[in-house]
Every structure is written in C-alpha cells, then in structure tokens.
Amino acid sequence: MTLEQRLEKIEELLLVLVDQQTVRDWYTTKQVARLLQRAEFTVREWARLGRLKAEKRISGRGAYPAWVISHEELLRYEREGLLPTPQPACVNGASLRRSM
C-alpha cells in the first residue's frame, strides 16, 4: 500500500469518526449507512419497509424526496434493533395476494 493510499484511508476513517461524534436532528440514509456500517441501499430498504421509522423530505436534488432518519430513531435502533416487518394488508380477513 502506497503512502498516498494510506493517507486516503486515514482521511476516510477520520470522516467516519467525525460523523459518529456529530449529533444531528436528522440523518440521511448515506450518513446512517456509514454509522451502522451497512450499504445505503439497505438503510433505504429498511425505511421503505418500515423497519426503521423514517420520513420523506424534499432533498433539493430532483423531484423525489429523500428518506431521513431522526437521531431518536437511530438511538432506538441501537438499543432495540430493527422494527418487525409489517404484515400485508388484509381485506375482509383475506390476504391481498392472489392464489395462482
């Protein structure tokens, strides 16, 4: 590993440390992914599926709002883990899935 590569790695680790020490009211999925050492896609899926309590906020980056996770939810996740997967909606006691 070259000296330049080692310095880049140290800079990346320092950014992670700074992010971990900075308390924000709201975190992006990218920030949460870095803090939890998960892929950003995974955090977005947890938010979409209701496994993490998240909100959609206008991000200023196009027509689609972005997920944000509160600091309180991040603390809840660290204490309790993911929320259970919600059950599919039922209509008149029957599942919405069709039998094939």
PDB file of N, CA and C in Angstrom:
ATOM      1  N   MET A   1       0.851  -1.168   0.000  1.00  0.00           N
ATOM      2  CA  MET A   1       0.000   0.000   0.000  1.00  0.00           C
ATOM      3  C   MET A   1       0.904   1.240   0.000  1.00  0.00           C
ATOM      4  N   THR A   2       0.631   2.131  -0.911  1.00  0.00           N
ATOM      5  CA  THR A   2       1.462   3.328  -1.010  1.00  0.00           C
ATOM      6  C   THR A   2       1.105   4.310   0.103  1.00  0.00           C
ATOM      7  N   LEU A   3       1.976   5.274   0.289  1.00  0.00           N
ATOM      8  CA  LEU A   3       1.757   6.297   1.310  1.00  0.00           C
ATOM      9  C   LEU A   3       0.485   7.092   1.003  1.00  0.00           C
ATOM     10  N   GLU A   4       0.256   7.396  -0.258  1.00  0.00           N
ATOM     11  CA  GLU A   4      -0.946   8.150  -0.650  1.00  0.00           C
ATOM     12  C   GLU A   4      -2.214   7.353  -0.339  1.00  0.00           C
ATOM     13  N   GLN A   5      -2.202   6.058  -0.613  1.00  0.00           N
ATOM     14  CA  GLN A   5      -3.356   5.207  -0.313  1.00  0.00           C
ATOM     15  C   GLN A   5      -3.609   5.141   1.191  1.00  0.00           C
ATOM     16  N   ARG A   6      -2.551   5.049   1.957  1.00  0.00           N
ATOM     17  CA  ARG A   6      -2.684   5.000   3.417  1.00  0.00           C
ATOM     18  C   ARG A   6      -3.268   6.309   3.948  1.00  0.00           C
ATOM     19  N   LEU A   7      -2.811   7.438   3.405  1.00  0.00           N
ATOM     20  CA  LEU A   7      -3.347   8.737   3.830  1.00  0.00           C
ATOM     21  C   LEU A   7      -4.825   8.867   3.479  1.00  0.00           C
ATOM     22  N   GLU A   8      -5.217   8.395   2.294  1.00  0.00           N
ATOM     23  CA  GLU A   8      -6.631   8.436   1.906  1.00  0.00           C
ATOM     24  C   GLU A   8      -7.477   7.588   2.857  1.00  0.00           C
ATOM     25  N   LYS A   9      -6.967   6.433   3.219  1.00  0.00           N
ATOM     26  CA  LYS A   9      -7.682   5.552   4.157  1.00  0.00           C
ATOM     27  C   LYS A   9      -7.837   6.236   5.522  1.00  0.00           C
ATOM     28  N   ILE A  10      -6.781   6.884   5.987  1.00  0.00           N
ATOM     29  CA  ILE A  10      -6.829   7.602   7.271  1.00  0.00           C
ATOM     30  C   ILE A  10      -7.857   8.726   7.199  1.00  0.00           C
ATOM     31  N   GLU A  11      -7.897   9.463   6.082  1.00  0.00           N
ATOM     32  CA  GLU A  11      -8.880  10.539   5.919  1.00  0.00           C
ATOM     33  C   GLU A  11     -10.306   9.985   5.968  1.00  0.00           C
ATOM     34  N   GLU A  12     -10.551   8.857   5.304  1.00  0.00           N
ATOM     35  CA  GLU A  12     -11.877   8.231   5.322  1.00  0.00           C
ATOM     36  C   GLU A  12     -12.278   7.854   6.749  1.00  0.00           C
ATOM     37  N   LEU A  13     -11.345   7.261   7.483  1.00  0.00           N
ATOM     38  CA  LEU A  13     -11.637   6.864   8.860  1.00  0.00           C
ATOM     39  C   LEU A  13     -11.891   8.073   9.754  1.00  0.00           C
ATOM     40  N   LEU A  14     -11.159   9.152   9.539  1.00  0.00           N
ATOM     41  CA  LEU A  14     -11.390  10.376  10.306  1.00  0.00           C
ATOM     42  C   LEU A  14     -12.771  10.956  10.029  1.00  0.00           C
ATOM     43  N   LEU A  15     -13.203  10.918   8.771  1.00  0.00           N
ATOM     44  CA  LEU A  15     -14.549  11.396   8.436  1.00  0.00           C
ATOM     45  C   LEU A  15     -15.612  10.578   9.141  1.00  0.00           C
ATOM     46  N   VAL A  16     -15.418   9.270   9.215  1.00  0.00           N
ATOM     47  CA  VAL A  16     -16.359   8.405   9.917  1.00  0.00           C
ATOM     48  C   VAL A  16     -16.402   8.766  11.400  1.00  0.00           C
ATOM     49  N   LEU A  17     -15.239   8.969  11.993  1.00  0.00           N
ATOM     50  CA  LEU A  17     -15.185   9.354  13.408  1.00  0.00           C
ATOM     51  C   LEU A  17     -15.888  10.686  13.662  1.00  0.00           C
ATOM     52  N   VAL A  18     -15.671  11.647  12.804  1.00  0.00           N
ATOM     53  CA  VAL A  18     -16.318  12.951  12.952  1.00  0.00           C
ATOM     54  C   VAL A  18     -17.831  12.790  12.832  1.00  0.00           C
ATOM     55  N   ASP A  19     -18.293  12.007  11.852  1.00  0.00           N
ATOM     56  CA  ASP A  19     -19.727  11.766  11.692  1.00  0.00           C
ATOM     57  C   ASP A  19     -20.319  11.099  12.922  1.00  0.00           C
ATOM     58  N   GLN A  20     -19.592  10.169  13.519  1.00  0.00           N
ATOM     59  CA  GLN A  20     -20.090   9.463  14.695  1.00  0.00           C
ATOM     60  C   GLN A  20     -20.196  10.386  15.897  1.00  0.00           C
ATOM     61  N   GLN A  21     -19.324  11.367  15.995  1.00  0.00           N
ATOM     62  CA  GLN A  21     -19.315  12.258  17.140  1.00  0.00           C
ATOM     63  C   GLN A  21     -20.275  13.438  16.976  1.00  0.00           C
ATOM     64  N   THR A  22     -20.694  13.724  15.745  1.00  0.00           N
ATOM     65  CA  THR A  22     -21.590  14.843  15.484  1.00  0.00           C
ATOM     66  C   THR A  22     -23.025  14.387  15.665  1.00  0.00           C
ATOM     67  N   VAL A  23     -23.751  15.053  16.559  1.00  0.00           N
ATOM     68  CA  VAL A  23     -25.151  14.718  16.784  1.00  0.00           C
ATOM     69  C   VAL A  23     -25.994  15.676  15.953  1.00  0.00           C
ATOM     70  N   ARG A  24     -26.830  15.093  15.118  1.00  0.00           N
ATOM     71  CA  ARG A  24     -27.722  15.876  14.267  1.00  0.00           C
ATOM     72  C   ARG A  24     -29.156  15.542  14.649  1.00  0.00           C
ATOM     73  N   ASP A  25     -30.088  16.404  14.267  1.00  0.00           N
ATOM     74  CA  ASP A  25     -31.500  16.090  14.469  1.00  0.00           C
ATOM     75  C   ASP A  25     -31.953  15.030  13.486  1.00  0.00           C
ATOM     76  N   TRP A  26     -31.486  15.136  12.245  1.00  0.00           N
ATOM     77  CA  TRP A  26     -31.874  14.217  11.174  1.00  0.00           C
ATOM     78  C   TRP A  26     -30.636  13.754  10.421  1.00  0.00           C
ATOM     79  N   TYR A  27     -30.652  12.500   9.964  1.00  0.00           N
ATOM     80  CA  TYR A  27     -29.548  11.924   9.206  1.00  0.00           C
ATOM     81  C   TYR A  27     -30.061  11.439   7.858  1.00  0.00           C
ATOM     82  N   THR A  28     -29.237  11.552   6.842  1.00  0.00           N
ATOM     83  CA  THR A  28     -29.572  10.984   5.537  1.00  0.00           C
ATOM     84  C   THR A  28     -29.324   9.473   5.593  1.00  0.00           C
ATOM     85  N   THR A  29     -29.836   8.764   4.611  1.00  0.00           N
ATOM     86  CA  THR A  29     -29.589   7.319   4.554  1.00  0.00           C
ATOM     87  C   THR A  29     -28.099   7.033   4.379  1.00  0.00           C
ATOM     88  N   LYS A  30     -27.406   7.915   3.680  1.00  0.00           N
ATOM     89  CA  LYS A  30     -25.963   7.723   3.488  1.00  0.00           C
ATOM     90  C   LYS A  30     -25.225   7.857   4.822  1.00  0.00           C
ATOM     91  N   GLN A  31     -25.590   8.839   5.636  1.00  0.00           N
ATOM     92  CA  GLN A  31     -24.958   9.035   6.934  1.00  0.00           C
ATOM     93  C   GLN A  31     -25.251   7.865   7.866  1.00  0.00           C
ATOM     94  N   VAL A  32     -26.502   7.398   7.882  1.00  0.00           N
ATOM     95  CA  VAL A  32     -26.869   6.264   8.733  1.00  0.00           C
ATOM     96  C   VAL A  32     -26.125   5.012   8.281  1.00  0.00           C
ATOM     97  N   ALA A  33     -26.051   4.805   6.972  1.00  0.00           N
ATOM     98  CA  ALA A  33     -25.332   3.638   6.448  1.00  0.00           C
ATOM     99  C   ALA A  33     -23.875   3.650   6.900  1.00  0.00           C
ATOM    100  N   ARG A  34     -23.245   4.806   6.855  1.00  0.00           N
ATOM    101  CA  ARG A  34     -21.844   4.906   7.275  1.00  0.00           C
ATOM    102  C   ARG A  34     -21.720   4.617   8.772  1.00  0.00           C
ATOM    103  N   LEU A  35     -22.632   5.184   9.573  1.00  0.00           N
ATOM    104  CA  LEU A  35     -22.573   4.972  11.023  1.00  0.00           C
ATOM    105  C   LEU A  35     -22.803   3.510  11.406  1.00  0.00           C
ATOM    106  N   LEU A  36     -23.715   2.836  10.680  1.00  0.00           N
ATOM    107  CA  LEU A  36     -24.053   1.453  11.004  1.00  0.00           C
ATOM    108  C   LEU A  36     -23.225   0.439  10.222  1.00  0.00           C
ATOM    109  N   GLN A  37     -22.355   0.934   9.358  1.00  0.00           N
ATOM    110  CA  GLN A  37     -21.522   0.086   8.509  1.00  0.00           C
ATOM    111  C   GLN A  37     -22.373  -0.871   7.676  1.00  0.00           C
ATOM    112  N   ARG A  38     -23.353  -0.283   7.027  1.00  0.00           N
ATOM    113  CA  ARG A  38     -24.247  -1.001   6.116  1.00  0.00           C
ATOM    114  C   ARG A  38     -24.246  -0.266   4.778  1.00  0.00           C
ATOM    115  N   ALA A  39     -24.791  -0.908   3.765  1.00  0.00           N
ATOM    116  CA  ALA A  39     -24.939  -0.260   2.467  1.00  0.00           C
ATOM    117  C   ALA A  39     -26.094   0.738   2.528  1.00  0.00           C
ATOM    118  N   GLU A  40     -25.967   1.832   1.789  1.00  0.00           N
ATOM    119  CA  GLU A  40     -27.038   2.827   1.769  1.00  0.00           C
ATOM    120  C   GLU A  40     -28.337   2.209   1.265  1.00  0.00           C
ATOM    121  N   PHE A  41     -28.252   1.322   0.288  1.00  0.00           N
ATOM    122  CA  PHE A  41     -29.441   0.636  -0.226  1.00  0.00           C
ATOM    123  C   PHE A  41     -30.171  -0.091   0.897  1.00  0.00           C
ATOM    124  N   THR A  42     -29.431  -0.739   1.780  1.00  0.00           N
ATOM    125  CA  THR A  42     -30.031  -1.474   2.898  1.00  0.00           C
ATOM    126  C   THR A  42     -30.805  -0.535   3.809  1.00  0.00           C
ATOM    127  N   VAL A  43     -30.236   0.600   4.133  1.00  0.00           N
ATOM    128  CA  VAL A  43     -30.910   1.571   5.009  1.00  0.00           C
ATOM    129  C   VAL A  43     -32.169   2.101   4.330  1.00  0.00           C
ATOM    130  N   ARG A  44     -32.087   2.392   3.017  1.00  0.00           N
ATOM    131  CA  ARG A  44     -33.280   2.855   2.291  1.00  0.00           C
ATOM    132  C   ARG A  44     -34.368   1.792   2.297  1.00  0.00           C
ATOM    133  N   GLU A  45     -34.001   0.541   2.127  1.00  0.00           N
ATOM    134  CA  GLU A  45     -34.981  -0.544   2.152  1.00  0.00           C
ATOM    135  C   GLU A  45     -35.618  -0.685   3.533  1.00  0.00           C
ATOM    136  N   TRP A  46     -34.816  -0.582   4.595  1.00  0.00           N
ATOM    137  CA  TRP A  46     -35.364  -0.629   5.954  1.00  0.00           C
ATOM    138  C   TRP A  46     -36.388   0.474   6.139  1.00  0.00           C
ATOM    139  N   ALA A  47     -36.087   1.672   5.628  1.00  0.00           N
ATOM    140  CA  ALA A  47     -37.020   2.797   5.740  1.00  0.00           C
ATOM    141  C   ALA A  47     -38.281   2.520   4.923  1.00  0.00           C
ATOM    142  N   ARG A  48     -38.102   2.051   3.708  1.00  0.00           N
ATOM    143  CA  ARG A  48     -39.243   1.780   2.823  1.00  0.00           C
ATOM    144  C   ARG A  48     -40.155   0.700   3.393  1.00  0.00           C
ATOM    145  N   LEU A  49     -39.564  -0.312   4.003  1.00  0.00           N
ATOM    146  CA  LEU A  49     -40.351  -1.428   4.553  1.00  0.00           C
ATOM    147  C   LEU A  49     -40.883  -1.153   5.958  1.00  0.00           C
ATOM    148  N   GLY A  50     -40.525  -0.005   6.537  1.00  0.00           N
ATOM    149  CA  GLY A  50     -40.999   0.323   7.876  1.00  0.00           C
ATOM    150  C   GLY A  50     -40.191  -0.327   8.989  1.00  0.00           C
ATOM    151  N   ARG A  51     -39.019  -0.851   8.677  1.00  0.00           N
ATOM    152  CA  ARG A  51     -38.166  -1.470   9.699  1.00  0.00           C
ATOM    153  C   ARG A  51     -37.435  -0.410  10.515  1.00  0.00           C
ATOM    154  N   LEU A  52     -37.272   0.788   9.946  1.00  0.00           N
ATOM    155  CA  LEU A  52     -36.779   1.973  10.639  1.00  0.00           C
ATOM    156  C   LEU A  52     -37.835   3.056  10.452  1.00  0.00           C
ATOM    157  N   LYS A  53     -38.087   3.837  11.496  1.00  0.00           N
ATOM    158  CA  LYS A  53     -39.011   4.964  11.363  1.00  0.00           C
ATOM    159  C   LYS A  53     -38.271   6.072  10.631  1.00  0.00           C
ATOM    160  N   ALA A  54     -38.770   6.429   9.468  1.00  0.00           N
ATOM    161  CA  ALA A  54     -38.124   7.446   8.649  1.00  0.00           C
ATOM    162  C   ALA A  54     -39.196   8.311   7.993  1.00  0.00           C
ATOM    163  N   GLU A  55     -38.771   9.462   7.543  1.00  0.00           N
ATOM    164  CA  GLU A  55     -39.667  10.390   6.859  1.00  0.00           C
ATOM    165  C   GLU A  55     -39.080  10.746   5.507  1.00  0.00           C
ATOM    166  N   LYS A  56     -39.965  11.119   4.595  1.00  0.00           N
ATOM    167  CA  LYS A  56     -39.514  11.616   3.301  1.00  0.00           C
ATOM    168  C   LYS A  56     -39.443  13.132   3.389  1.00  0.00           C
ATOM    169  N   ARG A  57     -38.333  13.692   2.965  1.00  0.00           N
ATOM    170  CA  ARG A  57     -38.127  15.139   2.971  1.00  0.00           C
ATOM    171  C   ARG A  57     -37.643  15.575   1.598  1.00  0.00           C
ATOM    172  N   ILE A  58     -38.025  16.771   1.221  1.00  0.00           N
ATOM    173  CA  ILE A  58     -37.525  17.344  -0.028  1.00  0.00           C
ATOM    174  C   ILE A  58     -36.014  17.524   0.118  1.00  0.00           C
ATOM    175  N   SER A  59     -35.282  16.962  -0.818  1.00  0.00           N
ATOM    176  CA  SER A  59     -33.824  16.976  -0.704  1.00  0.00           C
ATOM    177  C   SER A  59     -33.167  18.066  -1.531  1.00  0.00           C
ATOM    178  N   GLY A  60     -33.924  18.675  -2.454  1.00  0.00           N
ATOM    179  CA  GLY A  60     -33.321  19.668  -3.326  1.00  0.00           C
ATOM    180  C   GLY A  60     -32.530  19.038  -4.460  1.00  0.00           C
ATOM    181  N   ARG A  61     -32.663  17.706  -4.605  1.00  0.00           N
ATOM    182  CA  ARG A  61     -31.913  17.006  -5.644  1.00  0.00           C
ATOM    183  C   ARG A  61     -32.877  16.304  -6.588  1.00  0.00           C
ATOM    184  N   GLY A  62     -33.791  17.063  -7.154  1.00  0.00           N
ATOM    185  CA  GLY A  62     -34.711  16.466  -8.105  1.00  0.00           C
ATOM    186  C   GLY A  62     -36.135  16.424  -7.565  1.00  0.00           C
ATOM    187  N   ALA A  63     -36.979  15.712  -8.269  1.00  0.00           N
ATOM    188  CA  ALA A  63     -38.403  15.694  -7.957  1.00  0.00           C
ATOM    189  C   ALA A  63     -38.757  14.732  -6.831  1.00  0.00           C
ATOM    190  N   TYR A  64     -37.851  13.855  -6.448  1.00  0.00           N
ATOM    191  CA  TYR A  64     -38.173  12.818  -5.477  1.00  0.00           C
ATOM    192  C   TYR A  64     -37.633  13.149  -4.095  1.00  0.00           C
ATOM    193  N   PRO A  65     -38.485  13.055  -3.073  1.00  0.00           N
ATOM    194  CA  PRO A  65     -37.997  13.298  -1.709  1.00  0.00           C
ATOM    195  C   PRO A  65     -37.072  12.177  -1.250  1.00  0.00           C
ATOM    196  N   ALA A  66     -36.207  12.484  -0.300  1.00  0.00           N
ATOM    197  CA  ALA A  66     -35.244  11.511   0.213  1.00  0.00           C
ATOM    198  C   ALA A  66     -35.637  11.102   1.631  1.00  0.00           C
ATOM    199  N   TRP A  67     -35.292   9.881   2.003  1.00  0.00           N
ATOM    200  CA  TRP A  67     -35.538   9.410   3.359  1.00  0.00           C
ATOM    201  C   TRP A  67     -34.592  10.110   4.323  1.00  0.00           C
ATOM    202  N   VAL A  68     -35.107  10.461   5.507  1.00  0.00           N
ATOM    203  CA  VAL A  68     -34.280  10.953   6.603  1.00  0.00           C
ATOM    204  C   VAL A  68     -34.680  10.209   7.873  1.00  0.00           C
ATOM    205  N   ILE A  69     -33.706   9.977   8.735  1.00  0.00           N
ATOM    206  CA  ILE A  69     -33.916   9.225   9.980  1.00  0.00           C
ATOM    207  C   ILE A  69     -33.530  10.140  11.136  1.00  0.00           C
ATOM    208  N   SER A  70     -34.397  10.201  12.141  1.00  0.00           N
ATOM    209  CA  SER A  70     -34.135  11.085  13.282  1.00  0.00           C
ATOM    210  C   SER A  70     -33.057  10.493  14.185  1.00  0.00           C
ATOM    211  N   HIS A  71     -32.457  11.370  14.977  1.00  0.00           N
ATOM    212  CA  HIS A  71     -31.447  10.931  15.936  1.00  0.00           C
ATOM    213  C   HIS A  71     -32.077   9.985  16.963  1.00  0.00           C
ATOM    214  N   GLU A  72     -33.307  10.280  17.379  1.00  0.00           N
ATOM    215  CA  GLU A  72     -34.003   9.425  18.346  1.00  0.00           C
ATOM    216  C   GLU A  72     -34.213   8.017  17.783  1.00  0.00           C
ATOM    217  N   GLU A  73     -34.540   7.930  16.476  1.00  0.00           N
ATOM    218  CA  GLU A  73     -34.726   6.620  15.849  1.00  0.00           C
ATOM    219  C   GLU A  73     -33.406   5.873  15.760  1.00  0.00           C
ATOM    220  N   LEU A  74     -32.339   6.576  15.493  1.00  0.00           N
ATOM    221  CA  LEU A  74     -31.019   5.945  15.451  1.00  0.00           C
ATOM    222  C   LEU A  74     -30.661   5.370  16.821  1.00  0.00           C
ATOM    223  N   LEU A  75     -30.937   6.116  17.888  1.00  0.00           N
ATOM    224  CA  LEU A  75     -30.697   5.617  19.244  1.00  0.00           C
ATOM    225  C   LEU A  75     -31.596   4.416  19.556  1.00  0.00           C
ATOM    226  N   ARG A  76     -32.874   4.479  19.116  1.00  0.00           N
ATOM    227  CA  ARG A  76     -33.789   3.357  19.339  1.00  0.00           C
ATOM    228  C   ARG A  76     -33.273   2.107  18.630  1.00  0.00           C
ATOM    229  N   TYR A  77     -32.797   2.264  17.388  1.00  0.00           N
ATOM    230  CA  TYR A  77     -32.254   1.138  16.639  1.00  0.00           C
ATOM    231  C   TYR A  77     -31.061   0.524  17.368  1.00  0.00           C
ATOM    232  N   GLU A  78     -30.183   1.362  17.912  1.00  0.00           N
ATOM    233  CA  GLU A  78     -29.001   0.853  18.619  1.00  0.00           C
ATOM    234  C   GLU A  78     -29.408   0.073  19.872  1.00  0.00           C
ATOM    235  N   ARG A  79     -30.490   0.480  20.535  1.00  0.00           N
ATOM    236  CA  ARG A  79     -30.956  -0.218  21.744  1.00  0.00           C
ATOM    237  C   ARG A  79     -31.755  -1.471  21.420  1.00  0.00           C
ATOM    238  N   GLU A  80     -32.665  -1.373  20.428  1.00  0.00           N
ATOM    239  CA  GLU A  80     -33.667  -2.424  20.208  1.00  0.00           C
ATOM    240  C   GLU A  80     -33.541  -3.167  18.884  1.00  0.00           C
ATOM    241  N   GLY A  81     -32.841  -2.605  17.925  1.00  0.00           N
ATOM    242  CA  GLY A  81     -32.732  -3.244  16.621  1.00  0.00           C
ATOM    243  C   GLY A  81     -33.852  -2.819  15.690  1.00  0.00           C
ATOM    244  N   LEU A  82     -33.984  -3.542  14.594  1.00  0.00           N
ATOM    245  CA  LEU A  82     -34.998  -3.215  13.590  1.00  0.00           C
ATOM    246  C   LEU A  82     -36.399  -3.487  14.118  1.00  0.00           C
ATOM    247  N   LEU A  83     -37.347  -2.722  13.613  1.00  0.00           N
ATOM    248  CA  LEU A  83     -38.752  -2.970  13.922  1.00  0.00           C
ATOM    249  C   LEU A  83     -39.190  -4.232  13.183  1.00  0.00           C
ATOM    250  N   PRO A  84     -40.220  -4.932  13.682  1.00  0.00           N
ATOM    251  CA  PRO A  84     -40.683  -6.120  12.970  1.00  0.00           C
ATOM    252  C   PRO A  84     -41.250  -5.756  11.599  1.00  0.00           C
ATOM    253  N   THR A  85     -41.170  -6.691  10.681  1.00  0.00           N
ATOM    254  CA  THR A  85     -41.712  -6.475   9.345  1.00  0.00           C
ATOM    255  C   THR A  85     -43.225  -6.378   9.428  1.00  0.00           C
ATOM    256  N   PRO A  86     -43.819  -5.302   8.882  1.00  0.00           N
ATOM    257  CA  PRO A  86     -45.280  -5.175   8.915  1.00  0.00           C
ATOM    258  C   PRO A  86     -45.933  -6.298   8.121  1.00  0.00           C
ATOM    259  N   GLN A  87     -47.092  -6.743   8.608  1.00  0.00           N
ATOM    260  CA  GLN A  87     -47.842  -7.787   7.913  1.00  0.00           C
ATOM    261  C   GLN A  87     -48.556  -7.181   6.708  1.00  0.00           C
ATOM    262  N   PRO A  88     -48.781  -7.968   5.637  1.00  0.00           N
ATOM    263  CA  PRO A  88     -49.504  -7.437   4.482  1.00  0.00           C
ATOM    264  C   PRO A  88     -50.927  -7.046   4.876  1.00  0.00           C
ATOM    265  N   ALA A  89     -51.446  -6.033   4.191  1.00  0.00           N
ATOM    266  CA  ALA A  89     -52.811  -5.580   4.475  1.00  0.00           C
ATOM    267  C   ALA A  89     -53.814  -6.662   4.089  1.00  0.00           C
ATOM    268  N   CYS A  90     -54.900  -6.730   4.831  1.00  0.00           N
ATOM    269  CA  CYS A  90     -55.946  -7.714   4.566  1.00  0.00           C
ATOM    270  C   CYS A  90     -57.243  -6.991   4.229  1.00  0.00           C
ATOM    271  N   VAL A  91     -58.016  -7.604   3.368  1.00  0.00           N
ATOM    272  CA  VAL A  91     -59.335  -7.085   3.025  1.00  0.00           C
ATOM    273  C   VAL A  91     -60.347  -8.154   3.394  1.00  0.00           C
ATOM    274  N   ASN A  92     -61.261  -7.827   4.321  1.00  0.00           N
ATOM    275  CA  ASN A  92     -62.278  -8.768   4.791  1.00  0.00           C
ATOM    276  C   ASN A  92     -61.662 -10.073   5.283  1.00  0.00           C
ATOM    277  N   GLY A  93     -60.531  -9.967   5.946  1.00  0.00           N
ATOM    278  CA  GLY A  93     -59.894 -11.135   6.531  1.00  0.00           C
ATOM    279  C   GLY A  93     -59.077 -11.962   5.561  1.00  0.00           C
ATOM    280  N   ALA A  94     -59.060 -11.586   4.288  1.00  0.00           N
ATOM    281  CA  ALA A  94     -58.306 -12.340   3.288  1.00  0.00           C
ATOM    282  C   ALA A  94     -57.085 -11.533   2.863  1.00  0.00           C
ATOM    283  N   SER A  95     -56.011 -12.212   2.594  1.00  0.00           N
ATOM    284  CA  SER A  95     -54.794 -11.547   2.141  1.00  0.00           C
ATOM    285  C   SER A  95     -55.006 -10.959   0.747  1.00  0.00           C
ATOM    286  N   LEU A  96     -54.271  -9.905   0.432  1.00  0.00           N
ATOM    287  CA  LEU A  96     -54.389  -9.269  -0.872  1.00  0.00           C
ATOM    288  C   LEU A  96     -53.710 -10.080  -1.967  1.00  0.00           C
ATOM    289  N   ARG A  97     -52.876 -11.043  -1.588  1.00  0.00           N
ATOM    290  CA  ARG A  97     -52.226 -11.878  -2.604  1.00  0.00           C
ATOM    291  C   ARG A  97     -53.241 -12.804  -3.252  1.00  0.00           C
ATOM    292  N   ARG A  98     -53.107 -12.954  -4.542  1.00  0.00           N
ATOM    293  CA  ARG A  98     -53.988 -13.877  -5.257  1.00  0.00           C
ATOM    294  C   ARG A  98     -53.344 -15.252  -5.278  1.00  0.00           C
ATOM    295  N   SER A  99     -54.180 -16.259  -5.192  1.00  0.00           N
ATOM    296  CA  SER A  99     -53.630 -17.627  -5.310  1.00  0.00           C
ATOM    297  C   SER A  99     -53.502 -17.967  -6.786  1.00  0.00           C
ATOM    298  N   MET A 100     -52.385 -18.608  -7.108  1.00  0.00           N
ATOM    299  CA  MET A 100     -52.127 -18.946  -8.515  1.00  0.00           C
ATOM    300  C   MET A 100     -52.251 -20.414  -8.715  1.00  0.00           C
TER     301      MET A 100
END
